């Protein structure tokens, strides 16, 4: 008899080319060691030990045990639709994270997951944050029961997926939602750590 489904799985998007950044973001060195992508995997594993991990896009050199799934290189919405058609473990929810949201730490993720559970106790929605007036699809928790609906949703943007699925949007003031798009963003982030 199968046991209960894991509370969460990580789907880490690493397929961006980082044109404005000057190179692939997931390979950037993290101040705590390893890469940006590896940092997010460590954060997730601290909060959800033993839960499913999937990398969508490029491999993480510091996590060779996580072979990446193919990304069609047509943006994150297309990547998610492609991923939804592949075999996967079935946690209750997927933390769909972008490798450039490197401000996450275990405490912030545990707090966010608790808020997600309170807002969507039946694990039937995509729970997203609104940060600085903008809805943040990446970093949200996507209910597993919604994943099979992704391939049929048209549109090239993540917001097309958001608009087509049942969602809960929670306001957040935490800067964990702020991605790093440019080299200047990276320098400001590193300066803030010192």
N, C-alpha and C. Protein backbone atom coordinates (compact mmCIF):
# COMPACT_ATOMS: atom_id res chain seq x y z
N UNK A 1 0.84 -1.19 0.00
CA UNK A 1 0.00 0.00 0.00
C UNK A 1 0.88 1.25 0.00
N UNK A 2 0.59 2.17 -0.89
CA UNK A 2 1.40 3.38 -1.01
C UNK A 2 1.15 4.30 0.19
N UNK A 3 2.20 5.00 0.60
CA UNK A 3 2.07 5.94 1.70
C UNK A 3 1.53 7.27 1.22
N UNK A 4 1.43 8.23 2.12
CA UNK A 4 0.93 9.55 1.73
C UNK A 4 1.88 10.23 0.75
N UNK A 5 1.30 11.06 -0.11
CA UNK A 5 2.14 11.79 -1.07
C UNK A 5 3.00 12.81 -0.35
N UNK A 6 4.23 13.04 -0.84
CA UNK A 6 5.06 14.09 -0.23
C UNK A 6 4.35 15.44 -0.28
N UNK A 7 4.63 16.27 0.70
CA UNK A 7 3.99 17.59 0.76
C UNK A 7 4.37 18.46 -0.43
N UNK A 8 5.59 18.31 -0.91
CA UNK A 8 6.06 19.21 -1.97
C UNK A 8 7.14 18.54 -2.81
N UNK A 9 7.28 19.05 -4.02
CA UNK A 9 8.39 18.71 -4.89
C UNK A 9 8.97 20.00 -5.43
N UNK A 10 10.22 19.96 -5.81
CA UNK A 10 10.88 21.13 -6.41
C UNK A 10 10.96 20.94 -7.91
N UNK A 11 10.50 21.93 -8.65
CA UNK A 11 10.76 22.02 -10.09
C UNK A 11 11.58 23.29 -10.28
N UNK A 12 12.88 23.13 -10.53
CA UNK A 12 13.79 24.26 -10.66
C UNK A 12 14.05 24.54 -12.12
N UNK A 13 13.70 25.74 -12.58
CA UNK A 13 13.91 26.14 -13.97
C UNK A 13 15.31 26.71 -14.13
N UNK A 14 16.10 26.06 -15.01
CA UNK A 14 17.49 26.49 -15.24
C UNK A 14 17.78 26.71 -16.71
N UNK A 15 16.74 26.86 -17.52
CA UNK A 15 16.96 26.91 -18.96
C UNK A 15 17.18 28.28 -19.56
N UNK A 16 17.17 29.33 -18.75
CA UNK A 16 17.36 30.68 -19.29
C UNK A 16 18.77 30.90 -19.80
N UNK A 17 18.89 31.70 -20.83
CA UNK A 17 20.22 31.97 -21.40
C UNK A 17 20.94 33.11 -20.69
N UNK A 18 20.21 33.92 -19.94
CA UNK A 18 20.83 35.01 -19.19
C UNK A 18 21.45 36.07 -20.08
N UNK A 19 20.77 36.41 -21.18
CA UNK A 19 21.34 37.41 -22.11
C UNK A 19 21.62 38.74 -21.44
N UNK A 20 20.63 39.24 -20.68
CA UNK A 20 20.83 40.53 -20.00
C UNK A 20 21.82 40.41 -18.85
N UNK A 21 21.99 39.20 -18.37
CA UNK A 21 22.84 38.98 -17.20
C UNK A 21 24.30 38.76 -17.59
N UNK A 22 24.51 38.28 -18.80
CA UNK A 22 25.87 38.01 -19.24
C UNK A 22 26.27 36.56 -19.17
N UNK A 23 25.30 35.68 -18.96
CA UNK A 23 25.59 34.25 -18.90
C UNK A 23 24.52 33.52 -18.11
N UNK A 24 24.55 32.20 -18.15
CA UNK A 24 23.53 31.41 -17.45
C UNK A 24 23.49 31.71 -15.95
N UNK A 25 22.31 32.02 -15.45
CA UNK A 25 22.19 32.40 -14.04
C UNK A 25 22.38 31.22 -13.10
N UNK A 26 21.92 30.04 -13.51
CA UNK A 26 21.98 28.91 -12.59
C UNK A 26 23.41 28.52 -12.24
N UNK A 27 24.38 28.96 -13.07
CA UNK A 27 25.79 28.62 -12.82
C UNK A 27 26.52 29.66 -11.99
N UNK A 28 25.88 30.77 -11.67
CA UNK A 28 26.55 31.81 -10.89
C UNK A 28 26.97 31.27 -9.53
N UNK A 29 28.14 31.66 -9.05
CA UNK A 29 28.57 31.19 -7.73
C UNK A 29 27.75 31.83 -6.61
N UNK A 30 27.29 31.02 -5.70
CA UNK A 30 26.54 31.53 -4.55
C UNK A 30 27.51 31.81 -3.40
N UNK A 31 27.29 32.88 -2.64
CA UNK A 31 28.22 33.20 -1.54
C UNK A 31 28.36 32.08 -0.51
N UNK A 32 27.35 31.23 -0.37
CA UNK A 32 27.43 30.13 0.60
C UNK A 32 28.10 28.89 0.01
N UNK A 33 28.54 28.99 -1.25
CA UNK A 33 29.17 27.86 -1.93
C UNK A 33 28.26 27.26 -2.98
N UNK A 34 28.86 26.63 -3.97
CA UNK A 34 28.08 26.05 -5.05
C UNK A 34 27.51 27.12 -5.97
N UNK A 35 26.50 26.72 -6.71
CA UNK A 35 25.87 27.61 -7.69
C UNK A 35 24.56 28.16 -7.15
N UNK A 36 24.02 29.14 -7.90
CA UNK A 36 22.69 29.65 -7.54
C UNK A 36 21.66 28.53 -7.56
N UNK A 37 21.70 27.71 -8.62
CA UNK A 37 20.75 26.60 -8.69
C UNK A 37 20.94 25.62 -7.55
N UNK A 38 22.18 25.30 -7.26
CA UNK A 38 22.47 24.40 -6.14
C UNK A 38 21.99 24.95 -4.81
N UNK A 39 22.10 26.27 -4.64
CA UNK A 39 21.60 26.90 -3.41
C UNK A 39 20.11 26.65 -3.23
N UNK A 40 19.33 26.83 -4.30
CA UNK A 40 17.89 26.63 -4.18
C UNK A 40 17.54 25.18 -3.90
N UNK A 41 18.30 24.25 -4.47
CA UNK A 41 18.08 22.84 -4.16
C UNK A 41 18.36 22.60 -2.67
N UNK A 42 19.44 23.16 -2.14
CA UNK A 42 19.76 22.98 -0.71
C UNK A 42 18.67 23.57 0.18
N UNK A 43 18.17 24.74 -0.18
CA UNK A 43 17.09 25.35 0.59
C UNK A 43 15.88 24.42 0.62
N UNK A 44 15.51 23.90 -0.55
CA UNK A 44 14.34 23.02 -0.62
C UNK A 44 14.58 21.75 0.20
N UNK A 45 15.75 21.14 0.06
CA UNK A 45 16.04 19.89 0.78
C UNK A 45 16.04 20.08 2.29
N UNK A 46 16.42 21.27 2.75
CA UNK A 46 16.40 21.53 4.19
C UNK A 46 14.97 21.52 4.72
N UNK A 47 14.05 22.10 3.96
CA UNK A 47 12.66 22.19 4.40
C UNK A 47 11.90 20.91 4.10
N UNK A 48 12.22 20.26 2.99
CA UNK A 48 11.49 19.07 2.54
C UNK A 48 12.46 17.91 2.29
N UNK A 49 13.09 17.38 3.32
CA UNK A 49 14.06 16.31 3.11
C UNK A 49 13.39 15.08 2.49
N UNK A 50 14.07 14.52 1.48
CA UNK A 50 13.58 13.31 0.85
C UNK A 50 12.45 13.51 -0.15
N UNK A 51 12.05 14.74 -0.40
CA UNK A 51 10.96 15.01 -1.34
C UNK A 51 11.50 15.11 -2.77
N UNK A 52 10.61 14.98 -3.79
CA UNK A 52 11.07 14.95 -5.18
C UNK A 52 11.77 16.24 -5.62
N UNK A 53 12.79 16.07 -6.45
CA UNK A 53 13.56 17.18 -7.01
C UNK A 53 13.66 16.99 -8.51
N UNK A 54 13.30 18.01 -9.27
CA UNK A 54 13.46 17.95 -10.72
C UNK A 54 14.06 19.27 -11.21
N UNK A 55 15.02 19.16 -12.11
CA UNK A 55 15.65 20.32 -12.74
C UNK A 55 15.18 20.34 -14.19
N UNK A 56 14.67 21.47 -14.61
CA UNK A 56 14.14 21.63 -15.96
C UNK A 56 15.01 22.61 -16.72
N UNK A 57 15.84 22.10 -17.61
CA UNK A 57 16.73 22.97 -18.39
C UNK A 57 18.14 22.45 -18.42
N UNK A 58 19.04 23.13 -17.74
CA UNK A 58 20.46 22.80 -17.75
C UNK A 58 20.88 22.14 -16.44
N UNK A 59 21.89 21.30 -16.52
CA UNK A 59 22.39 20.58 -15.35
C UNK A 59 23.06 21.54 -14.37
N UNK A 60 23.06 21.14 -13.10
CA UNK A 60 23.77 21.88 -12.05
C UNK A 60 25.09 21.15 -11.78
N UNK A 61 26.22 21.81 -12.00
CA UNK A 61 27.50 21.10 -11.81
C UNK A 61 27.71 20.62 -10.39
N UNK A 62 27.11 21.29 -9.41
CA UNK A 62 27.27 20.87 -8.02
C UNK A 62 26.22 19.85 -7.60
N UNK A 63 25.33 19.46 -8.53
CA UNK A 63 24.34 18.42 -8.24
C UNK A 63 24.23 17.45 -9.42
N UNK A 64 25.30 16.72 -9.70
CA UNK A 64 25.26 15.79 -10.83
C UNK A 64 24.26 14.65 -10.63
N UNK A 65 23.77 14.49 -9.40
CA UNK A 65 22.78 13.46 -9.12
C UNK A 65 21.39 13.84 -9.60
N UNK A 66 21.23 15.07 -10.12
CA UNK A 66 19.93 15.54 -10.59
C UNK A 66 20.00 15.76 -12.11
N UNK A 67 19.81 14.71 -12.90
CA UNK A 67 19.86 14.90 -14.36
C UNK A 67 18.71 15.81 -14.80
N UNK A 68 19.00 16.77 -15.65
CA UNK A 68 17.96 17.72 -16.04
C UNK A 68 16.97 17.12 -17.04
N UNK A 69 15.75 17.63 -16.97
CA UNK A 69 14.74 17.32 -17.97
C UNK A 69 14.90 18.31 -19.12
N UNK A 70 14.50 17.89 -20.30
CA UNK A 70 14.64 18.74 -21.49
C UNK A 70 13.72 19.95 -21.41
N UNK A 71 14.26 21.09 -21.83
CA UNK A 71 13.52 22.34 -21.92
C UNK A 71 13.48 22.73 -23.40
N UNK A 72 12.29 22.99 -23.97
CA UNK A 72 12.23 23.32 -25.40
C UNK A 72 12.81 24.69 -25.75
N UNK A 73 13.25 25.47 -24.77
CA UNK A 73 13.90 26.78 -25.00
C UNK A 73 12.98 27.78 -25.69
N UNK A 74 11.73 27.79 -25.26
CA UNK A 74 10.77 28.75 -25.80
C UNK A 74 10.13 29.56 -24.68
N UNK A 75 10.82 29.68 -23.56
CA UNK A 75 10.32 30.44 -22.44
C UNK A 75 9.76 29.53 -21.35
N UNK A 76 9.54 30.10 -20.16
CA UNK A 76 9.11 29.26 -19.03
C UNK A 76 7.72 28.65 -19.20
N UNK A 77 6.80 29.31 -19.88
CA UNK A 77 5.47 28.72 -20.07
C UNK A 77 5.56 27.46 -20.92
N UNK A 78 6.31 27.52 -22.01
CA UNK A 78 6.50 26.33 -22.85
C UNK A 78 7.24 25.24 -22.10
N UNK A 79 8.20 25.63 -21.27
CA UNK A 79 8.94 24.65 -20.48
C UNK A 79 7.99 23.91 -19.53
N UNK A 80 7.09 24.65 -18.87
CA UNK A 80 6.16 24.02 -17.95
C UNK A 80 5.19 23.10 -18.68
N UNK A 81 4.72 23.53 -19.85
CA UNK A 81 3.81 22.67 -20.61
C UNK A 81 4.52 21.37 -21.03
N UNK A 82 5.77 21.50 -21.46
CA UNK A 82 6.54 20.32 -21.84
C UNK A 82 6.74 19.40 -20.64
N UNK A 83 7.15 19.96 -19.52
CA UNK A 83 7.37 19.17 -18.30
C UNK A 83 6.10 18.43 -17.89
N UNK A 84 4.95 19.07 -18.04
CA UNK A 84 3.69 18.45 -17.62
C UNK A 84 3.38 17.18 -18.39
N UNK A 85 3.97 17.02 -19.56
CA UNK A 85 3.75 15.82 -20.35
C UNK A 85 4.75 14.72 -20.10
N UNK A 86 5.66 14.91 -19.14
CA UNK A 86 6.67 13.91 -18.84
C UNK A 86 6.30 13.15 -17.57
N UNK A 87 6.80 11.92 -17.41
CA UNK A 87 6.56 11.19 -16.16
C UNK A 87 7.19 11.96 -14.98
N UNK A 88 6.50 11.94 -13.85
CA UNK A 88 7.01 12.68 -12.69
C UNK A 88 6.45 12.06 -11.41
N UNK A 89 7.15 12.23 -10.31
CA UNK A 89 6.58 11.82 -9.03
C UNK A 89 5.41 12.74 -8.70
N UNK A 90 4.57 12.34 -7.78
CA UNK A 90 3.35 13.11 -7.52
C UNK A 90 3.24 13.67 -6.12
N UNK A 91 3.99 14.72 -5.80
CA UNK A 91 3.78 15.36 -4.51
C UNK A 91 2.45 16.13 -4.51
N UNK A 92 2.05 16.63 -3.39
CA UNK A 92 0.82 17.42 -3.33
C UNK A 92 0.96 18.72 -4.14
N UNK A 93 2.12 19.33 -4.03
CA UNK A 93 2.36 20.61 -4.70
C UNK A 93 3.79 20.64 -5.22
N UNK A 94 3.99 21.45 -6.26
CA UNK A 94 5.33 21.69 -6.80
C UNK A 94 5.73 23.14 -6.50
N UNK A 95 6.91 23.29 -5.90
CA UNK A 95 7.49 24.63 -5.79
C UNK A 95 8.19 24.90 -7.12
N UNK A 96 7.61 25.75 -7.93
CA UNK A 96 8.15 26.05 -9.26
C UNK A 96 9.04 27.28 -9.10
N UNK A 97 10.34 27.05 -9.02
CA UNK A 97 11.28 28.11 -8.67
C UNK A 97 12.18 28.46 -9.85
N UNK A 98 12.54 29.72 -9.89
CA UNK A 98 13.49 30.22 -10.89
C UNK A 98 14.86 30.32 -10.24
N UNK A 99 15.90 29.95 -10.98
CA UNK A 99 17.23 29.90 -10.40
C UNK A 99 17.78 31.28 -10.05
N UNK A 100 17.09 32.36 -10.49
CA UNK A 100 17.60 33.69 -10.14
C UNK A 100 16.90 34.31 -8.93
N UNK A 101 16.03 33.54 -8.27
CA UNK A 101 15.43 34.01 -7.02
C UNK A 101 16.26 33.46 -5.85
N UNK A 102 17.49 33.94 -5.75
CA UNK A 102 18.47 33.34 -4.83
C UNK A 102 18.38 33.88 -3.41
N UNK A 103 17.43 34.75 -3.14
CA UNK A 103 17.30 35.26 -1.78
C UNK A 103 16.56 34.29 -0.85
N UNK A 104 16.02 33.21 -1.39
CA UNK A 104 15.32 32.24 -0.56
C UNK A 104 16.27 31.61 0.45
N UNK A 105 15.75 31.37 1.65
CA UNK A 105 16.45 30.61 2.67
C UNK A 105 15.43 29.64 3.27
N UNK A 106 15.88 28.66 4.06
CA UNK A 106 14.93 27.67 4.58
C UNK A 106 13.80 28.28 5.41
N UNK A 107 14.10 29.28 6.20
CA UNK A 107 13.06 29.89 7.03
C UNK A 107 11.98 30.54 6.18
N UNK A 108 12.41 31.27 5.14
CA UNK A 108 11.44 31.94 4.27
C UNK A 108 10.59 30.91 3.51
N UNK A 109 11.21 29.82 3.05
CA UNK A 109 10.45 28.81 2.31
C UNK A 109 9.47 28.10 3.23
N UNK A 110 9.88 27.77 4.45
CA UNK A 110 8.97 27.11 5.39
C UNK A 110 7.79 28.01 5.71
N UNK A 111 8.06 29.29 5.90
CA UNK A 111 6.98 30.25 6.18
C UNK A 111 6.03 30.38 4.99
N UNK A 112 6.58 30.42 3.78
CA UNK A 112 5.75 30.52 2.58
C UNK A 112 4.90 29.26 2.41
N UNK A 113 5.49 28.09 2.63
CA UNK A 113 4.73 26.86 2.49
C UNK A 113 3.59 26.79 3.52
N UNK A 114 3.83 27.26 4.73
CA UNK A 114 2.77 27.29 5.74
C UNK A 114 1.62 28.19 5.30
N UNK A 115 1.96 29.33 4.70
CA UNK A 115 0.93 30.24 4.19
C UNK A 115 0.16 29.60 3.05
N UNK A 116 0.86 28.87 2.19
CA UNK A 116 0.23 28.16 1.07
C UNK A 116 -0.76 27.12 1.59
N UNK A 117 -0.34 26.33 2.58
CA UNK A 117 -1.22 25.31 3.14
C UNK A 117 -2.47 25.92 3.76
N UNK A 118 -2.30 27.05 4.43
CA UNK A 118 -3.45 27.70 5.06
C UNK A 118 -4.41 28.25 4.00
N UNK A 119 -3.87 28.77 2.90
CA UNK A 119 -4.70 29.38 1.85
C UNK A 119 -5.35 28.34 0.95
N UNK A 120 -4.73 27.16 0.83
CA UNK A 120 -5.22 26.13 -0.08
C UNK A 120 -5.08 24.75 0.59
N UNK A 121 -5.85 24.49 1.64
CA UNK A 121 -5.67 23.25 2.40
C UNK A 121 -5.94 21.99 1.60
N UNK A 122 -6.73 22.08 0.54
CA UNK A 122 -7.02 20.91 -0.28
C UNK A 122 -6.04 20.66 -1.40
N UNK A 123 -4.99 21.49 -1.52
CA UNK A 123 -3.96 21.37 -2.57
C UNK A 123 -4.61 21.25 -3.95
N UNK A 124 -5.46 22.25 -4.28
CA UNK A 124 -6.14 22.24 -5.58
C UNK A 124 -5.91 23.47 -6.42
N UNK A 125 -5.04 24.35 -5.97
CA UNK A 125 -4.83 25.62 -6.68
C UNK A 125 -3.34 25.90 -6.86
N UNK A 126 -3.09 26.94 -7.65
CA UNK A 126 -1.73 27.47 -7.79
C UNK A 126 -1.66 28.66 -6.85
N UNK A 127 -0.84 28.56 -5.83
CA UNK A 127 -0.74 29.65 -4.85
C UNK A 127 0.46 30.50 -5.20
N UNK A 128 0.18 31.77 -5.46
CA UNK A 128 1.17 32.71 -5.97
C UNK A 128 1.31 33.88 -5.01
N UNK A 129 2.38 34.62 -5.15
CA UNK A 129 2.57 35.84 -4.36
C UNK A 129 2.36 37.06 -5.25
N UNK A 130 1.92 38.14 -4.60
CA UNK A 130 1.93 39.44 -5.25
C UNK A 130 2.98 40.27 -4.50
N UNK A 131 4.04 40.64 -5.22
CA UNK A 131 5.15 41.38 -4.64
C UNK A 131 5.32 42.67 -5.43
N UNK A 132 5.33 43.78 -4.71
CA UNK A 132 5.44 45.10 -5.33
C UNK A 132 4.42 45.28 -6.46
N UNK A 133 3.20 44.80 -6.20
CA UNK A 133 2.09 45.00 -7.13
C UNK A 133 2.02 44.02 -8.28
N UNK A 134 2.97 43.09 -8.37
CA UNK A 134 3.01 42.14 -9.49
C UNK A 134 2.86 40.71 -9.01
N UNK A 135 2.05 39.95 -9.70
CA UNK A 135 1.90 38.53 -9.40
C UNK A 135 3.17 37.81 -9.84
N UNK A 136 3.64 36.90 -8.97
CA UNK A 136 4.89 36.18 -9.20
C UNK A 136 4.59 34.69 -9.43
N UNK A 137 4.47 34.25 -10.68
CA UNK A 137 4.23 32.82 -10.91
C UNK A 137 5.38 31.92 -10.45
N UNK A 138 6.60 32.40 -10.60
CA UNK A 138 7.75 31.60 -10.18
C UNK A 138 8.01 31.84 -8.70
N UNK A 139 8.20 30.74 -7.99
CA UNK A 139 8.28 30.77 -6.54
C UNK A 139 6.97 30.36 -5.90
N UNK A 140 5.90 30.26 -6.69
CA UNK A 140 4.62 29.81 -6.19
C UNK A 140 4.57 28.29 -6.09
N UNK A 141 3.56 27.80 -5.40
CA UNK A 141 3.33 26.36 -5.28
C UNK A 141 2.16 25.97 -6.17
N UNK A 142 2.42 25.09 -7.14
CA UNK A 142 1.44 24.61 -8.10
C UNK A 142 0.93 23.25 -7.66
N UNK A 143 -0.39 23.13 -7.47
CA UNK A 143 -0.97 21.86 -7.05
C UNK A 143 -0.75 20.80 -8.14
N UNK A 144 -0.34 19.62 -7.73
CA UNK A 144 -0.11 18.52 -8.67
C UNK A 144 -1.36 18.23 -9.50
N UNK A 145 -2.55 18.37 -8.92
CA UNK A 145 -3.78 18.05 -9.65
C UNK A 145 -4.00 18.98 -10.85
N UNK A 146 -3.28 20.08 -10.91
CA UNK A 146 -3.43 21.02 -12.04
C UNK A 146 -2.42 20.78 -13.15
N UNK A 147 -1.38 20.00 -12.88
CA UNK A 147 -0.26 19.90 -13.83
C UNK A 147 -0.71 19.35 -15.18
N UNK A 148 -1.56 18.34 -15.18
CA UNK A 148 -1.98 17.73 -16.45
C UNK A 148 -2.80 18.69 -17.32
N UNK A 149 -3.27 19.79 -16.76
CA UNK A 149 -4.01 20.78 -17.54
C UNK A 149 -3.10 21.73 -18.30
N UNK A 150 -1.83 21.81 -17.93
CA UNK A 150 -0.93 22.79 -18.52
C UNK A 150 -0.77 22.65 -20.04
N UNK A 151 -0.57 21.45 -20.59
CA UNK A 151 -0.29 21.36 -22.02
C UNK A 151 -1.38 21.92 -22.92
N UNK A 152 -2.62 21.95 -22.46
CA UNK A 152 -3.72 22.42 -23.30
C UNK A 152 -3.94 23.92 -23.23
N UNK A 153 -3.17 24.61 -22.39
CA UNK A 153 -3.37 26.05 -22.23
C UNK A 153 -2.52 26.80 -23.25
N UNK A 154 -3.15 27.60 -24.13
CA UNK A 154 -2.37 28.34 -25.13
C UNK A 154 -1.73 29.58 -24.51
N UNK A 155 -0.82 30.16 -25.27
CA UNK A 155 -0.20 31.41 -24.84
C UNK A 155 1.27 31.21 -24.51
N UNK A 156 2.05 32.24 -24.77
CA UNK A 156 3.49 32.15 -24.59
C UNK A 156 3.96 32.62 -23.23
N UNK A 157 3.07 33.20 -22.43
CA UNK A 157 3.51 33.78 -21.17
C UNK A 157 3.05 32.95 -19.98
N UNK A 158 3.77 33.09 -18.87
CA UNK A 158 3.35 32.45 -17.64
C UNK A 158 2.00 32.95 -17.18
N UNK A 159 1.71 34.22 -17.44
CA UNK A 159 0.42 34.76 -17.01
C UNK A 159 -0.73 34.12 -17.76
N UNK A 160 -0.50 33.62 -18.97
CA UNK A 160 -1.56 32.87 -19.67
C UNK A 160 -1.90 31.61 -18.89
N UNK A 161 -0.91 30.95 -18.31
CA UNK A 161 -1.16 29.78 -17.49
C UNK A 161 -1.88 30.17 -16.21
N UNK A 162 -1.43 31.25 -15.59
CA UNK A 162 -2.06 31.72 -14.35
C UNK A 162 -3.54 32.04 -14.60
N UNK A 163 -3.81 32.73 -15.70
CA UNK A 163 -5.19 33.14 -15.98
C UNK A 163 -6.10 31.95 -16.25
N UNK A 164 -5.54 30.82 -16.69
CA UNK A 164 -6.35 29.66 -17.06
C UNK A 164 -6.55 28.67 -15.92
N UNK A 165 -5.86 28.83 -14.82
CA UNK A 165 -5.92 27.88 -13.72
C UNK A 165 -6.51 28.52 -12.46
N UNK A 166 -7.11 27.71 -11.60
CA UNK A 166 -7.57 28.27 -10.32
C UNK A 166 -6.37 28.65 -9.46
N UNK A 167 -6.36 29.88 -9.01
CA UNK A 167 -5.21 30.42 -8.28
C UNK A 167 -5.66 31.10 -6.99
N UNK A 168 -4.74 31.19 -6.08
CA UNK A 168 -4.86 32.02 -4.89
C UNK A 168 -3.64 32.94 -4.91
N UNK A 169 -3.86 34.22 -4.72
CA UNK A 169 -2.75 35.18 -4.72
C UNK A 169 -2.64 35.79 -3.32
N UNK A 170 -1.47 35.67 -2.73
CA UNK A 170 -1.21 36.20 -1.40
C UNK A 170 -0.22 37.35 -1.49
N UNK A 171 -0.54 38.44 -0.82
CA UNK A 171 0.38 39.59 -0.81
C UNK A 171 1.61 39.26 0.03
N UNK A 172 2.76 39.68 -0.44
CA UNK A 172 4.01 39.46 0.27
C UNK A 172 4.89 40.69 0.17
N UNK A 173 5.56 40.99 1.25
CA UNK A 173 6.53 42.09 1.25
C UNK A 173 7.96 41.58 1.28
N UNK A 174 8.13 40.27 1.25
CA UNK A 174 9.47 39.68 1.32
C UNK A 174 10.21 39.85 0.00
N UNK A 175 11.49 40.18 0.09
CA UNK A 175 12.27 40.38 -1.13
C UNK A 175 12.74 39.06 -1.75
N UNK A 176 12.32 37.92 -1.21
CA UNK A 176 12.70 36.64 -1.83
C UNK A 176 12.14 36.53 -3.24
N UNK A 177 11.13 37.32 -3.55
CA UNK A 177 10.50 37.28 -4.88
C UNK A 177 11.28 38.07 -5.92
N UNK A 178 12.20 38.90 -5.48
CA UNK A 178 12.94 39.75 -6.41
C UNK A 178 14.03 38.94 -7.10
N UNK A 179 13.89 38.78 -8.43
CA UNK A 179 14.92 38.05 -9.15
C UNK A 179 16.08 38.97 -9.48
N UNK A 180 17.16 38.39 -9.96
CA UNK A 180 18.35 39.15 -10.32
C UNK A 180 18.50 39.07 -11.83
N UNK A 181 18.19 40.16 -12.51
CA UNK A 181 18.15 40.16 -13.98
C UNK A 181 19.43 40.66 -14.62
N UNK A 182 20.20 41.47 -13.91
CA UNK A 182 21.37 42.09 -14.51
C UNK A 182 22.59 41.94 -13.59
N UNK A 183 23.75 42.22 -14.14
CA UNK A 183 24.95 42.22 -13.33
C UNK A 183 24.87 43.22 -12.19
N UNK A 184 24.21 44.35 -12.45
CA UNK A 184 24.04 45.36 -11.40
C UNK A 184 23.19 44.81 -10.26
N UNK A 185 22.14 44.05 -10.62
CA UNK A 185 21.32 43.40 -9.58
C UNK A 185 22.17 42.47 -8.73
N UNK A 186 23.04 41.71 -9.39
CA UNK A 186 23.91 40.78 -8.67
C UNK A 186 24.81 41.52 -7.70
N UNK A 187 25.41 42.61 -8.18
CA UNK A 187 26.33 43.36 -7.31
C UNK A 187 25.59 43.96 -6.12
N UNK A 188 24.37 44.44 -6.34
CA UNK A 188 23.59 45.00 -5.24
C UNK A 188 23.23 43.92 -4.23
N UNK A 189 22.89 42.73 -4.74
CA UNK A 189 22.58 41.61 -3.86
C UNK A 189 23.78 41.22 -3.01
N UNK A 190 24.94 41.10 -3.64
CA UNK A 190 26.15 40.73 -2.90
C UNK A 190 26.54 41.80 -1.89
N UNK A 191 26.36 43.05 -2.28
CA UNK A 191 26.69 44.14 -1.35
C UNK A 191 25.78 44.10 -0.14
N UNK A 192 24.53 43.73 -0.36
CA UNK A 192 23.58 43.66 0.75
C UNK A 192 23.90 42.54 1.73
N UNK A 193 24.67 41.53 1.29
CA UNK A 193 25.06 40.44 2.18
C UNK A 193 26.24 40.79 3.04
N UNK A 194 26.99 41.82 2.64
CA UNK A 194 28.21 42.14 3.39
C UNK A 194 27.95 43.15 4.49
